Amino acid sequence: TQQGAALQSYNNELVKCIEELCAKREELSQQIQKEEEEKNKLQNDIRLLTEKLARINESLARKMATRNEFEKTIAETEAAYTKILESSQTLLNVLKKEAGNLSRATELKSSITKES
């Protein structure tokens, strides 16, 4: 009977240890499940953010190319406008000179006509 009691005591302790291990396993399984759900959510967030980043990079590339075209067009237009201004100034100077020559020629004719 003493051996039976000892065996019963060992059996009870063994069952208790197994139950504790099962409880710890269940707790750990719940933690694993929570972390897997969080991991899946984070992976989905990363995928969405990566897609958004790719779209923004594409948009930026298009906008930067367009801005570069604007800068090129503006530079070419400003250069052409500067040439027009320079040509206008040259034309004005030539016109003033010719007008002065014509005025002197007209005055000279008038004075020759008056003398005659």
N, C-alpha and C. Protein backbone atom coordinates (compact mmCIF):
# COMPACT_ATOMS: atom_id res chain seq x y z
N THR A 1 0.81 -1.20 0.00
CA THR A 1 0.00 0.00 0.00
C THR A 1 0.85 1.26 0.00
N GLN A 2 1.96 1.17 0.66
CA GLN A 2 2.86 2.33 0.68
C GLN A 2 3.40 2.57 -0.72
N GLN A 3 3.72 1.54 -1.46
CA GLN A 3 4.19 1.68 -2.83
C GLN A 3 3.07 2.22 -3.70
N GLY A 4 1.87 1.75 -3.47
CA GLY A 4 0.73 2.24 -4.23
C GLY A 4 0.49 3.71 -3.98
N ALA A 5 0.66 4.15 -2.72
CA ALA A 5 0.48 5.56 -2.37
C ALA A 5 1.57 6.40 -3.03
N ALA A 6 2.80 5.90 -3.02
CA ALA A 6 3.91 6.62 -3.64
C ALA A 6 3.67 6.71 -5.15
N LEU A 7 3.22 5.61 -5.74
CA LEU A 7 2.94 5.60 -7.16
C LEU A 7 1.82 6.57 -7.48
N GLN A 8 0.79 6.61 -6.65
CA GLN A 8 -0.32 7.54 -6.84
C GLN A 8 0.17 8.98 -6.72
N SER A 9 1.06 9.25 -5.79
CA SER A 9 1.61 10.59 -5.58
C SER A 9 2.43 11.01 -6.81
N TYR A 10 3.27 10.10 -7.31
CA TYR A 10 4.06 10.38 -8.51
C TYR A 10 3.16 10.64 -9.71
N ASN A 11 2.13 9.82 -9.81
CA ASN A 11 1.18 9.96 -10.92
C ASN A 11 0.50 11.32 -10.88
N ASN A 12 0.06 11.73 -9.68
CA ASN A 12 -0.60 13.03 -9.52
C ASN A 12 0.36 14.17 -9.89
N GLU A 13 1.61 14.05 -9.44
CA GLU A 13 2.60 15.08 -9.74
C GLU A 13 2.90 15.12 -11.24
N LEU A 14 2.99 13.96 -11.86
CA LEU A 14 3.24 13.86 -13.29
C LEU A 14 2.10 14.49 -14.08
N VAL A 15 0.87 14.20 -13.71
CA VAL A 15 -0.30 14.79 -14.37
C VAL A 15 -0.28 16.30 -14.20
N LYS A 16 0.04 16.76 -12.98
CA LYS A 16 0.11 18.20 -12.71
C LYS A 16 1.17 18.86 -13.60
N CYS A 17 2.35 18.24 -13.73
CA CYS A 17 3.41 18.79 -14.58
C CYS A 17 2.98 18.84 -16.04
N ILE A 18 2.32 17.77 -16.49
CA ILE A 18 1.85 17.74 -17.88
C ILE A 18 0.82 18.84 -18.10
N GLU A 19 -0.08 19.04 -17.15
CA GLU A 19 -1.10 20.09 -17.27
C GLU A 19 -0.44 21.48 -17.31
N GLU A 20 0.58 21.68 -16.50
CA GLU A 20 1.30 22.96 -16.50
C GLU A 20 2.00 23.19 -17.84
N LEU A 21 2.62 22.12 -18.36
CA LEU A 21 3.29 22.24 -19.66
C LEU A 21 2.26 22.55 -20.76
N CYS A 22 1.10 21.90 -20.69
CA CYS A 22 0.04 22.16 -21.69
C CYS A 22 -0.45 23.60 -21.58
N ALA A 23 -0.58 24.12 -20.36
CA ALA A 23 -1.03 25.50 -20.17
C ALA A 23 0.00 26.48 -20.73
N LYS A 24 1.30 26.20 -20.47
CA LYS A 24 2.36 27.07 -21.00
C LYS A 24 2.40 27.01 -22.53
N ARG A 25 2.20 25.79 -23.07
CA ARG A 25 2.16 25.64 -24.52
C ARG A 25 1.01 26.44 -25.11
N GLU A 26 -0.16 26.41 -24.48
CA GLU A 26 -1.33 27.15 -24.97
C GLU A 26 -1.07 28.66 -24.91
N GLU A 27 -0.49 29.09 -23.83
CA GLU A 27 -0.16 30.53 -23.69
C GLU A 27 0.82 30.95 -24.78
N LEU A 28 1.84 30.12 -25.01
CA LEU A 28 2.82 30.41 -26.04
C LEU A 28 2.18 30.39 -27.43
N SER A 29 1.28 29.45 -27.66
CA SER A 29 0.57 29.39 -28.95
C SER A 29 -0.24 30.66 -29.18
N GLN A 30 -0.87 31.17 -28.15
CA GLN A 30 -1.63 32.41 -28.28
C GLN A 30 -0.70 33.59 -28.60
N GLN A 31 0.46 33.65 -27.94
CA GLN A 31 1.43 34.70 -28.22
C GLN A 31 1.93 34.60 -29.67
N ILE A 32 2.19 33.37 -30.11
CA ILE A 32 2.64 33.16 -31.49
C ILE A 32 1.58 33.62 -32.47
N GLN A 33 0.33 33.26 -32.19
CA GLN A 33 -0.76 33.67 -33.09
C GLN A 33 -0.88 35.19 -33.15
N LYS A 34 -0.78 35.86 -31.99
CA LYS A 34 -0.85 37.33 -31.96
C LYS A 34 0.30 37.94 -32.78
N GLU A 35 1.50 37.42 -32.59
CA GLU A 35 2.65 37.97 -33.30
C GLU A 35 2.57 37.68 -34.79
N GLU A 36 2.04 36.52 -35.17
CA GLU A 36 1.87 36.23 -36.60
C GLU A 36 0.86 37.18 -37.23
N GLU A 37 -0.21 37.49 -36.49
CA GLU A 37 -1.19 38.46 -37.00
C GLU A 37 -0.56 39.83 -37.15
N GLU A 38 0.23 40.24 -36.16
CA GLU A 38 0.91 41.53 -36.24
C GLU A 38 1.92 41.55 -37.38
N LYS A 39 2.65 40.43 -37.55
CA LYS A 39 3.62 40.31 -38.65
C LYS A 39 2.90 40.44 -39.99
N ASN A 40 1.78 39.74 -40.16
CA ASN A 40 1.03 39.81 -41.41
C ASN A 40 0.54 41.22 -41.68
N LYS A 41 0.07 41.89 -40.62
CA LYS A 41 -0.40 43.28 -40.78
C LYS A 41 0.76 44.18 -41.20
N LEU A 42 1.91 44.01 -40.56
CA LEU A 42 3.07 44.84 -40.91
C LEU A 42 3.55 44.55 -42.33
N GLN A 43 3.54 43.28 -42.73
CA GLN A 43 3.95 42.95 -44.10
C GLN A 43 3.00 43.58 -45.11
N ASN A 44 1.71 43.57 -44.79
CA ASN A 44 0.74 44.21 -45.68
C ASN A 44 0.96 45.72 -45.73
N ASP A 45 1.22 46.31 -44.57
CA ASP A 45 1.51 47.76 -44.53
C ASP A 45 2.75 48.08 -45.36
N ILE A 46 3.77 47.24 -45.23
CA ILE A 46 5.00 47.45 -46.00
C ILE A 46 4.71 47.35 -47.49
N ARG A 47 3.91 46.35 -47.89
CA ARG A 47 3.57 46.19 -49.30
C ARG A 47 2.83 47.43 -49.81
N LEU A 48 1.85 47.90 -49.02
CA LEU A 48 1.09 49.08 -49.44
C LEU A 48 1.99 50.31 -49.54
N LEU A 49 2.86 50.48 -48.54
CA LEU A 49 3.76 51.64 -48.55
C LEU A 49 4.77 51.54 -49.70
N THR A 50 5.23 50.33 -49.99
CA THR A 50 6.17 50.15 -51.11
C THR A 50 5.50 50.51 -52.43
N GLU A 51 4.25 50.09 -52.60
CA GLU A 51 3.51 50.44 -53.81
C GLU A 51 3.30 51.95 -53.90
N LYS A 52 2.96 52.55 -52.77
CA LYS A 52 2.75 54.00 -52.75
C LYS A 52 4.06 54.73 -53.07
N LEU A 53 5.16 54.25 -52.50
CA LEU A 53 6.47 54.86 -52.77
C LEU A 53 6.81 54.76 -54.25
N ALA A 54 6.52 53.61 -54.86
CA ALA A 54 6.80 53.44 -56.29
C ALA A 54 5.98 54.42 -57.12
N ARG A 55 4.70 54.58 -56.76
CA ARG A 55 3.84 55.53 -57.50
C ARG A 55 4.37 56.96 -57.34
N ILE A 56 4.77 57.32 -56.14
CA ILE A 56 5.27 58.67 -55.90
C ILE A 56 6.59 58.89 -56.66
N ASN A 57 7.46 57.88 -56.66
CA ASN A 57 8.72 58.01 -57.40
C ASN A 57 8.46 58.20 -58.89
N GLU A 58 7.50 57.46 -59.45
CA GLU A 58 7.16 57.61 -60.86
C GLU A 58 6.61 59.01 -61.13
N SER A 59 5.73 59.47 -60.25
CA SER A 59 5.15 60.80 -60.41
C SER A 59 6.23 61.88 -60.33
N LEU A 60 7.12 61.73 -59.36
CA LEU A 60 8.23 62.70 -59.22
C LEU A 60 9.10 62.72 -60.46
N ALA A 61 9.40 61.54 -60.99
CA ALA A 61 10.25 61.48 -62.19
C ALA A 61 9.59 62.20 -63.35
N ARG A 62 8.28 61.97 -63.53
CA ARG A 62 7.57 62.66 -64.62
C ARG A 62 7.55 64.17 -64.40
N LYS A 63 7.28 64.59 -63.18
CA LYS A 63 7.21 66.02 -62.88
C LYS A 63 8.58 66.68 -63.02
N MET A 64 9.63 65.99 -62.60
CA MET A 64 10.97 66.57 -62.74
C MET A 64 11.36 66.70 -64.21
N ALA A 65 10.99 65.71 -65.01
CA ALA A 65 11.27 65.79 -66.45
C ALA A 65 10.52 66.96 -67.07
N THR A 66 9.27 67.14 -66.67
CA THR A 66 8.47 68.26 -67.18
C THR A 66 9.08 69.59 -66.74
N ARG A 67 9.51 69.66 -65.48
CA ARG A 67 10.14 70.89 -64.99
C ARG A 67 11.41 71.19 -65.78
N ASN A 68 12.18 70.16 -66.09
CA ASN A 68 13.40 70.36 -66.88
C ASN A 68 13.06 70.90 -68.27
N GLU A 69 11.97 70.42 -68.85
CA GLU A 69 11.53 70.95 -70.15
C GLU A 69 11.14 72.42 -70.02
N PHE A 70 10.43 72.75 -68.93
CA PHE A 70 10.08 74.17 -68.70
C PHE A 70 11.34 75.01 -68.61
N GLU A 71 12.31 74.54 -67.82
CA GLU A 71 13.56 75.31 -67.65
C GLU A 71 14.26 75.50 -68.99
N LYS A 72 14.30 74.45 -69.81
CA LYS A 72 14.95 74.53 -71.12
C LYS A 72 14.21 75.54 -72.01
N THR A 73 12.88 75.45 -72.04
CA THR A 73 12.08 76.36 -72.86
C THR A 73 12.26 77.81 -72.40
N ILE A 74 12.24 78.00 -71.08
CA ILE A 74 12.41 79.36 -70.54
C ILE A 74 13.79 79.91 -70.91
N ALA A 75 14.82 79.08 -70.77
CA ALA A 75 16.19 79.54 -71.09
C ALA A 75 16.30 79.90 -72.57
N GLU A 76 15.73 79.06 -73.45
CA GLU A 76 15.78 79.34 -74.88
C GLU A 76 14.99 80.61 -75.21
N THR A 77 13.84 80.77 -74.59
CA THR A 77 13.01 81.96 -74.84
C THR A 77 13.71 83.22 -74.36
N GLU A 78 14.32 83.15 -73.17
CA GLU A 78 15.03 84.32 -72.65
C GLU A 78 16.21 84.68 -73.55
N ALA A 79 16.92 83.67 -74.05
CA ALA A 79 18.06 83.93 -74.94
C ALA A 79 17.57 84.58 -76.23
N ALA A 80 16.47 84.07 -76.80
CA ALA A 80 15.93 84.65 -78.04
C ALA A 80 15.44 86.07 -77.77
N TYR A 81 14.80 86.29 -76.63
CA TYR A 81 14.31 87.62 -76.29
C TYR A 81 15.47 88.60 -76.14
N THR A 82 16.56 88.15 -75.54
CA THR A 82 17.74 89.01 -75.40
C THR A 82 18.29 89.39 -76.77
N LYS A 83 18.31 88.42 -77.69
CA LYS A 83 18.77 88.73 -79.05
C LYS A 83 17.85 89.73 -79.73
N ILE A 84 16.54 89.57 -79.52
CA ILE A 84 15.58 90.52 -80.09
C ILE A 84 15.83 91.92 -79.54
N LEU A 85 16.05 92.02 -78.22
CA LEU A 85 16.33 93.33 -77.62
C LEU A 85 17.60 93.94 -78.20
N GLU A 86 18.63 93.11 -78.34
CA GLU A 86 19.89 93.61 -78.90
C GLU A 86 19.69 94.06 -80.35
N SER A 87 18.94 93.28 -81.11
CA SER A 87 18.67 93.66 -82.51
C SER A 87 17.84 94.94 -82.57
N SER A 88 16.88 95.05 -81.66
CA SER A 88 16.06 96.27 -81.62
C SER A 88 16.92 97.48 -81.31
N GLN A 89 17.82 97.32 -80.36
CA GLN A 89 18.72 98.43 -80.01
C GLN A 89 19.59 98.81 -81.20
N THR A 90 20.13 97.80 -81.88
CA THR A 90 20.97 98.05 -83.06
C THR A 90 20.15 98.75 -84.14
N LEU A 91 18.93 98.25 -84.38
CA LEU A 91 18.06 98.85 -85.38
C LEU A 91 17.74 100.30 -85.02
N LEU A 92 17.46 100.55 -83.75
CA LEU A 92 17.16 101.91 -83.31
C LEU A 92 18.37 102.83 -83.54
N ASN A 93 19.56 102.34 -83.21
CA ASN A 93 20.77 103.14 -83.42
C ASN A 93 20.97 103.45 -84.90
N VAL A 94 20.77 102.43 -85.76
CA VAL A 94 20.92 102.64 -87.21
C VAL A 94 19.88 103.64 -87.70
N LEU A 95 18.64 103.48 -87.23
CA LEU A 95 17.56 104.38 -87.64
C LEU A 95 17.85 105.81 -87.22
N LYS A 96 18.33 106.01 -85.99
CA LYS A 96 18.66 107.35 -85.53
C LYS A 96 19.78 107.95 -86.37
N LYS A 97 20.77 107.12 -86.69
CA LYS A 97 21.88 107.60 -87.50
C LYS A 97 21.39 108.01 -88.89
N GLU A 98 20.57 107.14 -89.50
CA GLU A 98 20.03 107.44 -90.83
C GLU A 98 19.13 108.67 -90.79
N ALA A 99 18.33 108.77 -89.73
CA ALA A 99 17.46 109.94 -89.60
C ALA A 99 18.30 111.20 -89.49
N GLY A 100 19.40 111.10 -88.73
CA GLY A 100 20.30 112.24 -88.60
C GLY A 100 20.92 112.59 -89.95
N ASN A 101 21.34 111.59 -90.69
CA ASN A 101 21.92 111.82 -92.02
C ASN A 101 20.90 112.45 -92.95
N LEU A 102 19.65 111.91 -92.89
CA LEU A 102 18.60 112.48 -93.75
C LEU A 102 18.31 113.93 -93.36
N SER A 103 18.30 114.18 -92.06
CA SER A 103 18.04 115.56 -91.61
C SER A 103 19.15 116.48 -92.10
N ARG A 104 20.40 116.06 -91.98
CA ARG A 104 21.51 116.88 -92.45
C ARG A 104 21.44 117.07 -93.96
N ALA A 105 21.10 116.02 -94.68
CA ALA A 105 20.99 116.11 -96.13
C ALA A 105 19.86 117.06 -96.51
N THR A 106 18.75 116.97 -95.78
CA THR A 106 17.62 117.85 -96.06
C THR A 106 17.99 119.30 -95.74
N GLU A 107 18.69 119.52 -94.64
CA GLU A 107 19.11 120.87 -94.28
C GLU A 107 20.10 121.41 -95.30
N LEU A 108 20.97 120.53 -95.76
CA LEU A 108 21.96 120.95 -96.75
C LEU A 108 21.26 121.34 -98.05
N LYS A 109 20.26 120.53 -98.48
CA LYS A 109 19.50 120.87 -99.68
C LYS A 109 18.76 122.17 -99.51
N SER A 110 18.18 122.34 -98.32
CA SER A 110 17.44 123.57 -98.08
C SER A 110 18.36 124.78 -98.13
N SER A 111 19.52 124.65 -97.58
CA SER A 111 20.43 125.79 -97.58
C SER A 111 20.97 126.06 -98.99
N ILE A 112 21.15 124.99 -99.78
CA ILE A 112 21.63 125.19 -101.16
C ILE A 112 20.50 125.83 -101.96
N THR A 113 19.29 125.42 -101.74
CA THR A 113 18.15 125.97 -102.46
C THR A 113 17.96 127.44 -102.08
N LYS A 114 18.15 127.77 -100.84
CA LYS A 114 17.98 129.16 -100.40
C LYS A 114 19.08 130.04 -100.99
N GLU A 115 20.25 129.49 -101.14
CA GLU A 115 21.37 130.25 -101.67
C GLU A 115 21.18 130.54 -103.17
N SER A 116 20.48 129.69 -103.84
CA SER A 116 20.34 129.85 -105.28
C SER A 116 19.38 130.90 -105.62
